[in-house]
Amino acid sequence: MKLTRLNDYSWKIEKEGAMQVPVIIYASDILMDKIKLDKSLNQIMNVAQLPGIQKQAMIMPDAHEGYGFPIGGVAAFDLDEGVISPGGIGYDINCGVRLVRTSLEKDKIKKALPELLNLMYTEVPSGVGRAGSLRVNKNTLMDVLHDGAKWAVDNNYGFKKDLERHEDNGKIDVTDLNISDNAMKRGLPQLGSLGSGNHFLEVQYVEEIYDKKAAEAFGIFKGQICVMIHCGSRGLGHQVCSDYIREMERTLGSDLSKLPDRQLVYAPIKSELGERYFNSMSAAANYAWANRQMITHWVRESFSRILKMSPEDLEMDLVYDVTHNIAKMEKHQIDGKTKKVCVHRKGATRSFGPSREEISSIYRKTGQPVIIPGSMGTSSYLLVGTDSAEEASFGSTAHGAGRVMSRSAAINKFTGDQIKKQIESQGILLKTASWKGVVEEAPQVYKDIDEVVNVSNNAGIGKLVAKLKPMGVIKG
C-alpha cells in the first residue's frame, strides 16, 4: 500500500485495485506505529471495496484489528447501491458509554466510597453470562426492543429528562421486528446487567477542564464526582449479529468467495434481508439503551442509600449516552451535495457539532457531548462534537484506547494479583467478578488514551472538554 502523510494527525491510502474510495487514517506517529502491528490497514482497504461506499473509508486513532471491519472503522454507503454489513457494526450492538454527573466533590465521597462501591457491585450484576436482577417475559422484552430507554423511563428506571440526553433519545424506530428465539432467550435474563470484557462501571472525578464554556453547558466542574457506565446489548446483540452473518453467508452462496474478506459479508441495504437486519440491529440497540438506563437507576439508588440524599438532591443528571457500535441513516455532505447514507461506526463515536439537527436542544449551542473511556485505571475524557468532523469523518471520532495486545497474550503475560496491586497502588478501589477478566483488560494491553484524544482534538474531529480520573472501578 502507498501510505501518504496529510498532516501531523492524518494519513491517506490512495484508491488502488478494487478499492472504490481512498482510506483516511487519523493517527499520530506513535499511534500509527501501533496500528501497523495488526491487520487494521488491510481491513479498511477491504472495506473500501464494498459496493456503494461513499467518499472515503476511515479508521479512528484507537483502531485495531476486528471482525471484518477494523475496530475504529467508519464507512458510509449509498442507500440504493450500498450494503449493510454486520462486521461494520460488531457483535456487541450498541455497546456504548454514558456519563452521569453529581453535585458532589471528590473530598466529600472518599469515606463513603468503599461502601458505595460494594452496594453498586451488588445492585448491578456483572460478569460472563450473569443475569440481571429483573425478570421479564417475552411480551415485556418485545416492548423493550421497540421502545429502548423510553421503556425503562416509563417503568420508573430514570427521569423523563434523561431521554433527551441520549443519541436518538435512546430509541431507533423498529418497523418489522424479526429476531430469533435464541436471541430472545439470551436477552430475557440479562436485561439490567453490566456483562464482562471491557465493560465497566466507574466512580470518577473531574481532574481537569479544557473548555470552560462546554464544561459549564454539560454541568461539569473541576473536582466533581461522576459515574461512567460502559456496556451494550449483552447476549441478545451478539446472537442477532451471529444469526444475520450466517443468513447473509447462505444468501451470498458462491459469491461469498468473491469478497476481499468473507467477514465482510453483507446484504444490500434495500433488500429484504438488509432491511430485516437493520430492524433487528435497531431492536438490539434499543435493548442496550434500556440496559444502560436501568443500570443508571440502580447507581442513583445506591448513591441515595449510602449518602442519605435523593438523586434529585445529589443532582445525578445524565450528561449524555453515546453508542459506538451501530449503523445510522444520516445526511452528510458528499461531493458538494447533501445525501442520506447508511453510516457504519464500529468502535467509533458520533461527534456531531452544533449545526446538526439531530442534537438535543440542550446542546445545540455547543455540539453533542462525546465520551471516550480509557482502559481500566487510566483517565477517561469528555469531548464535544465539531462541525469540522462532518467533512473529515462523517461526524465521527474515537471510542476508547484501542487494544494493542490480545486477551490470550495478556493472560500469558500478567496475573490478577499484579494488575490488582497496580490499580490499587494508584489509590483506586477495584471490584470484579473475574480476575481473569481483569488481566484481559489490564491497562498495558491498550493504547495510550491521552495520545488518542490528543489526535482527536488536534484533527478537529472531537474537541477536549474535561479529563476524568477513576476512584472506584467495577469490572465484569
Protein backbone atom coordinates (compact mmCIF):
# COMPACT_ATOMS: atom_id res chain seq x y z
CA MET A 1 0.00 0.00 0.00
CA LYS A 2 1.06 3.59 -0.55
CA LEU A 3 0.67 5.46 2.73
CA THR A 4 0.85 9.26 2.44
CA ARG A 5 1.04 11.67 5.35
CA LEU A 6 -1.50 14.50 5.09
CA ASN A 7 -0.51 16.32 8.29
CA ASP A 8 0.62 15.53 11.84
CA TYR A 9 -2.65 13.75 12.62
CA SER A 10 -3.90 12.14 9.42
CA TRP A 11 -2.75 9.83 6.64
CA LYS A 12 -4.14 8.61 3.34
CA ILE A 13 -4.07 5.43 1.27
CA GLU A 14 -4.94 6.28 -2.32
CA LYS A 15 -7.57 4.29 -4.17
CA GLU A 16 -5.95 1.29 -5.85
CA GLY A 17 -7.01 -2.04 -7.28
CA ALA A 18 -10.60 -2.89 -6.40
CA MET A 19 -10.89 -0.02 -3.90
CA GLN A 20 -13.76 2.31 -4.80
CA VAL A 21 -12.66 5.09 -2.44
CA PRO A 22 -9.44 6.12 -0.68
CA VAL A 23 -8.73 5.44 3.00
CA ILE A 24 -8.12 8.11 5.66
CA ILE A 25 -6.39 7.27 8.93
CA TYR A 26 -6.46 9.61 11.92
CA ALA A 27 -3.31 8.91 13.92
CA SER A 28 -0.09 10.37 15.26
CA ASP A 29 3.28 8.74 14.56
CA ILE A 30 3.03 6.91 17.87
CA LEU A 31 -0.45 5.54 17.13
CA MET A 32 0.34 4.73 13.51
CA ASP A 33 3.21 2.51 14.70
CA LYS A 34 0.68 0.64 16.87
CA ILE A 35 -1.91 0.38 14.09
CA LYS A 36 0.66 -1.14 11.75
CA LEU A 37 1.20 -4.04 14.15
CA ASP A 38 -2.03 -5.77 13.10
CA LYS A 39 -4.28 -6.05 10.02
CA SER A 40 -6.23 -2.81 10.54
CA LEU A 41 -4.93 -1.09 7.41
CA ASN A 42 -5.56 -4.14 5.22
CA GLN A 43 -9.03 -4.49 6.70
CA ILE A 44 -10.01 -0.88 5.99
CA MET A 45 -8.69 -1.22 2.42
CA ASN A 46 -11.00 -4.22 2.05
CA VAL A 47 -13.89 -2.12 3.36
CA ALA A 48 -13.10 0.45 0.65
CA GLN A 49 -14.00 -2.23 -1.93
CA LEU A 50 -17.59 -2.75 -0.76
CA PRO A 51 -20.45 -1.81 -3.11
CA GLY A 52 -21.83 1.70 -2.81
CA ILE A 53 -19.25 3.02 -0.37
CA GLN A 54 -19.11 6.83 -0.37
CA LYS A 55 -16.25 9.36 -0.31
CA GLN A 56 -13.72 7.51 1.89
CA ALA A 57 -13.26 4.69 4.34
CA MET A 58 -11.73 5.73 7.68
CA ILE A 59 -10.14 4.48 10.84
CA MET A 60 -10.02 6.43 14.07
CA PRO A 61 -6.92 6.92 16.27
CA ASP A 62 -7.76 3.96 18.54
CA ALA A 63 -8.10 1.50 15.65
CA HIS A 64 -7.17 -2.16 15.91
CA GLU A 65 -7.96 -5.39 14.09
CA GLY A 66 -11.54 -6.62 14.33
CA TYR A 67 -14.06 -8.92 12.66
CA GLY A 68 -14.23 -7.80 9.02
CA PHE A 69 -14.06 -4.06 9.68
CA PRO A 70 -11.27 -2.87 11.93
CA ILE A 71 -12.48 -1.64 15.31
CA GLY A 72 -12.37 2.12 14.92
CA GLY A 73 -13.70 1.78 11.36
CA VAL A 74 -16.16 4.24 9.79
CA ALA A 75 -17.80 3.94 6.36
CA ALA A 76 -20.92 5.36 4.69
CA PHE A 77 -22.96 3.63 1.98
CA ASP A 78 -25.38 4.83 -0.68
CA LEU A 79 -28.93 3.75 0.18
CA ASP A 80 -29.72 2.48 -3.33
CA GLU A 81 -26.46 0.83 -4.39
CA GLY A 82 -24.85 0.26 -1.00
CA VAL A 83 -24.75 -2.52 1.56
CA ILE A 84 -25.09 -3.09 5.28
CA SER A 85 -22.55 -5.38 6.93
CA PRO A 86 -22.77 -6.83 10.47
CA GLY A 87 -18.97 -6.77 10.54
CA GLY A 88 -19.16 -2.99 10.27
CA ILE A 89 -21.29 -2.75 13.41
CA GLY A 90 -19.91 -5.52 15.60
CA TYR A 91 -21.22 -8.33 17.75
CA ASP A 92 -21.99 -6.10 20.75
CA ILE A 93 -24.57 -3.93 19.00
CA ASN A 94 -24.82 -0.50 20.63
CA CYS A 95 -22.01 -1.12 23.02
CA GLY A 96 -21.86 2.40 24.40
CA VAL A 97 -20.96 4.63 27.28
CA ARG A 98 -22.77 7.21 29.39
CA LEU A 99 -21.70 9.79 31.93
CA VAL A 100 -23.76 10.71 35.00
CA ARG A 101 -22.76 13.86 36.87
CA THR A 102 -23.38 14.70 40.54
CA SER A 103 -23.17 17.77 42.75
CA LEU A 104 -20.60 16.00 44.94
CA GLU A 105 -16.92 16.92 45.18
CA LYS A 106 -14.09 14.43 45.41
CA ASP A 107 -13.22 15.02 49.05
CA LYS A 108 -16.85 14.59 50.13
CA ILE A 109 -17.09 10.98 48.99
CA LYS A 110 -13.78 9.34 49.96
CA LYS A 111 -15.01 7.81 53.22
CA ALA A 112 -18.23 6.53 51.69
CA LEU A 113 -16.63 5.15 48.52
CA PRO A 114 -15.87 1.57 49.72
CA GLU A 115 -19.43 1.07 50.94
CA LEU A 116 -20.84 2.73 47.82
CA LEU A 117 -18.79 0.52 45.51
CA ASN A 118 -19.86 -2.61 47.39
CA LEU A 119 -23.53 -1.68 47.08
CA MET A 120 -23.30 -0.90 43.36
CA TYR A 121 -21.47 -4.19 42.83
CA THR A 122 -24.40 -5.95 44.50
CA GLU A 123 -27.12 -3.96 42.73
CA VAL A 124 -25.67 -4.14 39.20
CA PRO A 125 -24.98 -7.76 38.13
CA SER A 126 -21.70 -8.18 36.26
CA GLY A 127 -19.62 -10.97 34.76
CA VAL A 128 -19.79 -13.54 31.95
CA GLY A 129 -23.34 -14.76 31.43
CA ARG A 130 -24.62 -13.05 34.58
CA ALA A 131 -28.34 -12.42 34.63
CA GLY A 132 -29.94 -9.16 35.59
CA SER A 133 -31.99 -8.81 38.76
CA LEU A 134 -35.17 -8.09 36.78
CA ARG A 135 -37.25 -10.95 35.40
CA VAL A 136 -39.21 -10.07 32.27
CA ASN A 137 -41.44 -12.11 29.99
CA LYS A 138 -41.38 -12.22 26.21
CA ASN A 139 -44.07 -9.56 25.79
CA THR A 140 -42.18 -7.15 28.02
CA LEU A 141 -38.95 -7.85 26.16
CA MET A 142 -40.71 -7.03 22.89
CA ASP A 143 -41.69 -3.68 24.38
CA VAL A 144 -38.05 -3.07 25.35
CA LEU A 145 -36.88 -3.93 21.83
CA HIS A 146 -39.28 -1.38 20.35
CA ASP A 147 -39.04 1.42 22.90
CA GLY A 148 -35.46 1.30 24.25
CA ALA A 149 -34.64 3.77 27.01
CA LYS A 150 -38.22 5.09 26.90
CA TRP A 151 -39.46 1.72 28.17
CA ALA A 152 -37.06 1.98 31.10
CA VAL A 153 -38.11 5.54 31.97
CA ASP A 154 -41.81 4.69 31.56
CA ASN A 155 -41.26 1.88 34.08
CA ASN A 156 -39.62 4.18 36.63
CA TYR A 157 -35.99 3.46 35.78
CA GLY A 158 -34.98 7.08 35.50
CA PHE A 159 -36.26 10.55 34.70
CA LYS A 160 -38.06 11.71 31.56
CA LYS A 161 -35.36 14.34 31.02
CA ASP A 162 -32.81 11.50 30.66
CA LEU A 163 -34.18 10.69 27.20
CA GLU A 164 -33.09 13.96 25.58
CA ARG A 165 -29.55 13.17 26.72
CA HIS A 166 -29.29 10.05 24.55
CA GLU A 167 -28.39 9.71 20.89
CA ASP A 168 -31.74 9.39 19.11
CA ASN A 169 -33.44 9.86 22.52
CA GLY A 170 -32.44 6.28 23.28
CA LYS A 171 -34.61 4.68 20.61
CA ILE A 172 -34.48 3.79 16.91
CA ASP A 173 -37.83 3.05 15.27
CA VAL A 174 -38.33 -0.65 14.53
CA THR A 175 -40.84 -1.22 11.75
CA ASP A 176 -40.79 -5.02 11.46
CA LEU A 177 -39.06 -6.96 14.22
CA ASN A 178 -37.78 -10.41 13.33
CA ILE A 179 -35.15 -11.82 15.69
CA SER A 180 -34.55 -15.45 16.57
CA ASP A 181 -35.84 -17.38 19.56
CA ASN A 182 -32.20 -17.83 20.62
CA ALA A 183 -31.69 -14.06 20.70
CA MET A 184 -34.85 -13.63 22.77
CA LYS A 185 -33.79 -16.39 25.18
CA ARG A 186 -30.40 -14.76 25.69
CA GLY A 187 -31.94 -11.33 26.17
CA LEU A 188 -34.65 -12.28 28.66
CA PRO A 189 -32.43 -12.92 31.71
CA GLN A 190 -29.70 -10.35 31.03
CA LEU A 191 -31.64 -7.09 30.95
CA GLY A 192 -30.16 -4.74 33.54
CA SER A 193 -26.68 -6.30 33.73
CA LEU A 194 -23.19 -5.00 33.06
CA GLY A 195 -21.63 -8.02 31.39
CA SER A 196 -17.94 -8.80 31.06
CA GLY A 197 -14.93 -7.97 28.89
CA ASN A 198 -14.10 -4.27 28.68
CA HIS A 199 -17.43 -3.24 30.21
CA PHE A 200 -17.23 -1.33 33.46
CA LEU A 201 -18.87 0.96 35.96
CA GLU A 202 -16.58 3.65 37.39
CA VAL A 203 -16.83 6.34 40.03
CA GLN A 204 -14.64 9.16 38.71
CA TYR A 205 -13.69 12.73 39.49
CA VAL A 206 -13.06 15.60 37.09
CA GLU A 207 -9.32 16.25 37.20
CA GLU A 208 -9.01 18.92 34.54
CA ILE A 209 -11.17 21.27 32.47
CA TYR A 210 -10.01 22.22 28.95
CA ASP A 211 -13.09 24.02 27.60
CA LYS A 212 -14.82 26.02 30.31
CA LYS A 213 -17.79 27.04 28.16
CA ALA A 214 -18.61 23.49 27.05
CA ALA A 215 -18.00 22.12 30.55
CA GLU A 216 -20.48 24.61 32.02
CA ALA A 217 -23.04 23.66 29.36
CA PHE A 218 -22.56 19.99 30.30
CA GLY A 219 -22.77 20.75 34.05
CA ILE A 220 -19.17 19.71 34.66
CA PHE A 221 -16.77 21.31 37.17
CA LYS A 222 -13.29 20.51 38.49
CA GLY A 223 -13.20 18.05 41.38
CA GLN A 224 -16.75 16.84 40.61
CA ILE A 225 -17.80 13.23 41.17
CA CYS A 226 -19.22 11.50 38.09
CA VAL A 227 -20.17 7.93 37.19
CA MET A 228 -19.29 6.34 33.85
CA ILE A 229 -21.14 3.25 32.60
CA HIS A 230 -19.86 1.19 29.66
CA CYS A 231 -21.87 -1.80 28.39
CA GLY A 232 -24.01 -2.96 25.49
CA SER A 233 -26.71 -5.34 24.28
CA ARG A 234 -25.30 -8.43 26.02
CA GLY A 235 -26.08 -11.88 24.56
CA LEU A 236 -29.09 -10.63 22.60
CA GLY A 237 -26.99 -8.33 20.42
CA HIS A 238 -24.32 -10.99 19.95
CA GLN A 239 -26.94 -13.51 18.82
CA VAL A 240 -28.55 -11.04 16.39
CA CYS A 241 -25.15 -10.45 14.80
CA SER A 242 -24.36 -14.18 14.59
CA ASP A 243 -27.76 -15.05 13.13
CA TYR A 244 -27.54 -12.50 10.33
CA ILE A 245 -23.93 -13.24 9.45
CA ARG A 246 -24.93 -16.87 8.86
CA GLU A 247 -28.00 -15.89 6.85
CA MET A 248 -26.05 -13.43 4.71
CA GLU A 249 -23.41 -16.10 4.07
CA ARG A 250 -26.11 -18.51 2.89
CA THR A 251 -27.70 -15.84 0.71
CA LEU A 252 -24.44 -14.85 -0.99
CA GLY A 253 -23.61 -18.50 -1.61
CA SER A 254 -20.79 -18.90 -4.13
CA ASP A 255 -20.40 -15.10 -4.34
CA LEU A 256 -19.01 -15.18 -0.80
CA SER A 257 -15.65 -16.22 -2.23
CA LYS A 258 -15.55 -13.02 -4.30
CA LEU A 259 -15.39 -10.82 -1.20
CA PRO A 260 -11.98 -9.45 -0.21
CA ASP A 261 -12.71 -10.98 3.21
CA ARG A 262 -15.66 -13.27 3.95
CA GLN A 263 -16.04 -11.50 7.31
CA LEU A 264 -17.27 -8.52 5.28
CA VAL A 265 -20.40 -10.46 4.32
CA TYR A 266 -23.29 -8.08 3.64
CA ALA A 267 -26.77 -7.58 2.28
CA PRO A 268 -27.90 -4.73 0.02
CA ILE A 269 -29.49 -2.03 2.19
CA LYS A 270 -32.64 -2.03 0.07
CA SER A 271 -33.02 -5.82 0.09
CA GLU A 272 -35.49 -7.71 2.27
CA LEU A 273 -32.57 -9.24 4.19
CA GLY A 274 -30.82 -5.90 4.60
CA GLU A 275 -33.98 -4.28 5.95
CA ARG A 276 -34.59 -7.17 8.35
CA TYR A 277 -31.06 -6.92 9.67
CA PHE A 278 -31.32 -3.13 10.14
CA ASN A 279 -34.55 -3.57 12.10
CA SER A 280 -33.05 -6.34 14.25
CA MET A 281 -29.89 -4.30 14.84
CA SER A 282 -32.09 -1.35 15.85
CA ALA A 283 -34.00 -3.54 18.30
CA ALA A 284 -30.74 -4.74 19.85
CA ALA A 285 -29.63 -1.10 20.10
CA ASN A 286 -32.86 -0.30 21.92
CA TYR A 287 -32.18 -3.16 24.33
CA ALA A 288 -28.74 -1.70 25.08
CA TRP A 289 -30.16 1.76 25.76
CA ALA A 290 -32.74 0.29 28.13
CA ASN A 291 -29.99 -1.76 29.78
CA ARG A 292 -27.79 1.26 30.48
CA GLN A 293 -30.80 3.25 31.67
CA MET A 294 -31.68 0.57 34.22
CA ILE A 295 -28.10 0.43 35.46
CA THR A 296 -28.18 4.21 35.84
CA HIS A 297 -31.28 3.88 38.01
CA TRP A 298 -29.57 1.39 40.33
CA VAL A 299 -26.47 3.59 40.50
CA ARG A 300 -28.65 6.51 41.57
CA GLU A 301 -30.38 4.36 44.16
CA SER A 302 -27.02 3.20 45.53
CA PHE A 303 -25.76 6.77 45.92
CA SER A 304 -29.04 7.73 47.58
CA ARG A 305 -28.93 4.87 50.11
CA ILE A 306 -25.30 5.41 51.10
CA LEU A 307 -25.32 9.23 51.17
CA LYS A 308 -28.87 9.60 52.54
CA MET A 309 -29.86 12.07 49.83
CA SER A 310 -32.24 11.73 46.90
CA PRO A 311 -30.86 11.50 43.34
CA GLU A 312 -32.53 14.87 42.69
CA ASP A 313 -30.75 16.48 45.66
CA LEU A 314 -27.48 14.89 44.50
CA GLU A 315 -28.18 16.36 41.02
CA MET A 316 -27.44 12.97 39.44
CA ASP A 317 -28.23 14.05 35.90
CA LEU A 318 -27.27 12.17 32.79
CA VAL A 319 -24.77 14.19 30.75
CA TYR A 320 -25.07 12.01 27.65
CA ASP A 321 -25.22 8.44 26.33
CA VAL A 322 -23.26 7.62 23.17
CA THR A 323 -23.14 4.45 21.13
CA HIS A 324 -20.06 3.19 19.34
CA ASN A 325 -21.23 0.02 17.51
CA ILE A 326 -24.10 0.89 15.20
CA ALA A 327 -25.32 1.82 11.73
CA LYS A 328 -27.32 5.02 11.32
CA MET A 329 -29.24 6.61 8.46
CA GLU A 330 -27.81 10.15 8.33
CA LYS A 331 -27.47 13.07 5.94
CA HIS A 332 -23.94 14.15 5.06
CA GLN A 333 -22.20 16.37 2.54
CA ILE A 334 -20.78 14.23 -0.28
CA ASP A 335 -19.37 15.76 -3.46
CA GLY A 336 -20.90 19.11 -2.52
CA LYS A 337 -24.40 17.72 -2.08
CA THR A 338 -26.44 16.66 0.95
CA LYS A 339 -27.04 12.94 0.73
CA LYS A 340 -28.67 10.40 3.02
CA VAL A 341 -26.38 7.44 3.64
CA CYS A 342 -26.00 4.47 5.97
CA VAL A 343 -23.06 5.26 8.26
CA HIS A 344 -21.36 2.29 9.91
CA ARG A 345 -19.49 3.15 13.12
CA LYS A 346 -17.68 0.20 14.65
CA GLY A 347 -15.68 1.21 17.70
CA ALA A 348 -16.25 4.84 16.74
CA THR A 349 -18.28 7.55 18.47
CA ARG A 350 -20.64 10.02 16.82
CA SER A 351 -19.16 13.52 17.12
CA PHE A 352 -21.78 15.96 15.82
CA GLY A 353 -21.23 19.69 16.04
CA PRO A 354 -23.91 22.30 16.83
CA SER A 355 -25.15 22.54 13.24
CA ARG A 356 -26.63 19.02 13.25
CA GLU A 357 -30.39 18.83 13.63
CA GLU A 358 -30.18 15.50 15.48
CA ILE A 359 -28.69 17.13 18.57
CA SER A 360 -30.94 17.79 21.54
CA SER A 361 -31.86 21.44 22.04
CA ILE A 362 -29.95 21.50 25.33
CA TYR A 363 -26.67 21.05 23.43
CA ARG A 364 -27.40 22.92 20.20
CA LYS A 365 -25.05 25.76 21.12
CA THR A 366 -22.07 23.53 21.91
CA GLY A 367 -22.37 20.30 19.94
CA GLN A 368 -23.05 16.89 21.40
CA PRO A 369 -21.03 15.53 24.32
CA VAL A 370 -18.55 12.84 23.25
CA ILE A 371 -17.38 10.31 25.84
CA ILE A 372 -14.13 8.41 25.32
CA PRO A 373 -13.36 6.00 28.16
CA GLY A 374 -9.85 4.91 28.97
CA SER A 375 -8.66 1.46 29.91
CA MET A 376 -9.01 0.24 33.48
CA GLY A 377 -7.18 2.53 35.88
CA THR A 378 -6.42 5.24 33.33
CA SER A 379 -8.08 8.56 32.53
CA SER A 380 -11.29 8.92 30.57
CA TYR A 381 -12.27 12.01 28.60
CA LEU A 382 -15.27 14.16 27.82
CA LEU A 383 -15.12 15.92 24.46
CA VAL A 384 -17.56 17.86 22.33
CA GLY A 385 -18.50 17.19 18.71
CA THR A 386 -17.46 19.58 15.96
CA ASP A 387 -18.88 20.79 12.68
CA SER A 388 -15.48 20.12 11.09
CA ALA A 389 -15.92 16.40 11.84
CA GLU A 390 -18.79 16.45 9.32
CA GLU A 391 -16.36 16.92 6.44
CA ALA A 392 -13.49 14.98 7.94
CA SER A 393 -15.08 11.81 9.33
CA PHE A 394 -18.85 11.73 8.76
CA GLY A 395 -19.10 13.25 12.24
CA SER A 396 -17.10 10.52 13.99
CA THR A 397 -14.20 10.14 16.39
CA ALA A 398 -12.53 7.51 18.59
CA HIS A 399 -14.38 5.36 21.13
CA GLY A 400 -11.64 4.40 23.59
CA ALA A 401 -7.99 3.50 23.93
CA GLY A 402 -7.95 0.55 21.50
CA ARG A 403 -6.20 -2.74 22.16
CA VAL A 404 -2.56 -3.48 21.31
CA MET A 405 -2.47 -6.95 22.90
CA SER A 406 -4.87 -9.87 22.61
CA ARG A 407 -6.68 -11.27 25.62
CA SER A 408 -4.78 -14.56 25.40
CA ALA A 409 -1.45 -12.72 25.26
CA ALA A 410 -2.44 -10.69 28.32
CA ILE A 411 -3.27 -13.87 30.26
CA ASN A 412 0.14 -15.29 29.38
CA LYS A 413 1.96 -12.12 30.48
CA PHE A 414 0.16 -10.87 33.61
CA THR A 415 -1.51 -12.20 36.74
CA GLY A 416 -4.57 -10.94 38.51
CA ASP A 417 -2.53 -10.13 41.60
CA GLN A 418 -0.12 -7.99 39.54
CA ILE A 419 -2.89 -5.92 37.98
CA LYS A 420 -4.77 -5.63 41.28
CA LYS A 421 -1.68 -4.22 43.00
CA GLN A 422 -1.05 -1.88 40.07
CA ILE A 423 -4.59 -0.47 40.18
CA GLU A 424 -4.73 -0.18 43.96
CA SER A 425 -1.29 1.48 44.11
CA GLN A 426 -2.96 4.43 42.35
CA GLY A 427 -5.50 4.70 45.16
CA ILE A 428 -8.24 3.14 43.00
CA LEU A 429 -10.68 0.66 44.55
CA LEU A 430 -11.43 -2.38 42.40
CA LYS A 431 -14.35 -4.81 42.44
CA THR A 432 -14.56 -7.61 39.91
CA ALA A 433 -16.45 -10.76 39.06
CA SER A 434 -13.38 -12.28 37.39
CA TRP A 435 -9.66 -11.79 37.94
CA LYS A 436 -9.15 -13.39 34.52
CA GLY A 437 -11.24 -10.56 33.12
CA VAL A 438 -9.11 -8.00 34.95
CA VAL A 439 -5.95 -9.46 33.40
CA GLU A 440 -7.51 -9.41 29.93
CA GLU A 441 -8.34 -5.72 30.39
CA ALA A 442 -5.06 -4.64 32.03
CA PRO A 443 -4.04 -1.04 31.20
CA GLN A 444 -0.94 -2.33 29.41
CA VAL A 445 -2.98 -4.08 26.70
CA TYR A 446 -4.38 -0.76 25.44
CA LYS A 447 -3.04 2.23 23.57
CA ASP A 448 -2.30 5.47 25.38
CA ILE A 449 -5.70 7.14 25.83
CA ASP A 450 -4.02 10.56 26.22
CA GLU A 451 -2.49 10.15 22.76
CA VAL A 452 -5.81 9.03 21.26
CA VAL A 453 -7.75 12.07 22.48
CA ASN A 454 -4.87 14.36 21.56
CA VAL A 455 -5.22 13.21 17.95
CA SER A 456 -8.99 13.67 18.04
CA ASN A 457 -8.59 17.18 19.43
CA ASN A 458 -5.87 18.28 17.02
CA ALA A 459 -7.50 16.66 14.00
CA GLY A 460 -10.69 18.58 14.81
CA ILE A 461 -12.95 15.51 14.98
CA GLY A 462 -13.72 15.96 18.70
CA LYS A 463 -12.60 18.79 20.98
CA LEU A 464 -11.38 18.22 24.54
CA VAL A 465 -13.64 19.40 27.36
CA ALA A 466 -12.60 17.54 30.52
CA LYS A 467 -10.39 14.78 31.90
CA LEU A 468 -11.77 12.31 34.44
CA LYS A 469 -9.81 10.00 36.73
CA PRO A 470 -11.14 6.80 38.34
CA MET A 471 -11.60 6.39 42.09
CA GLY A 472 -13.50 3.13 42.09
CA VAL A 473 -13.90 0.53 39.33
CA ILE A 474 -16.38 -2.33 38.92
CA LYS A 475 -15.38 -4.80 36.21
CA GLY A 476 -17.39 -7.64 34.77
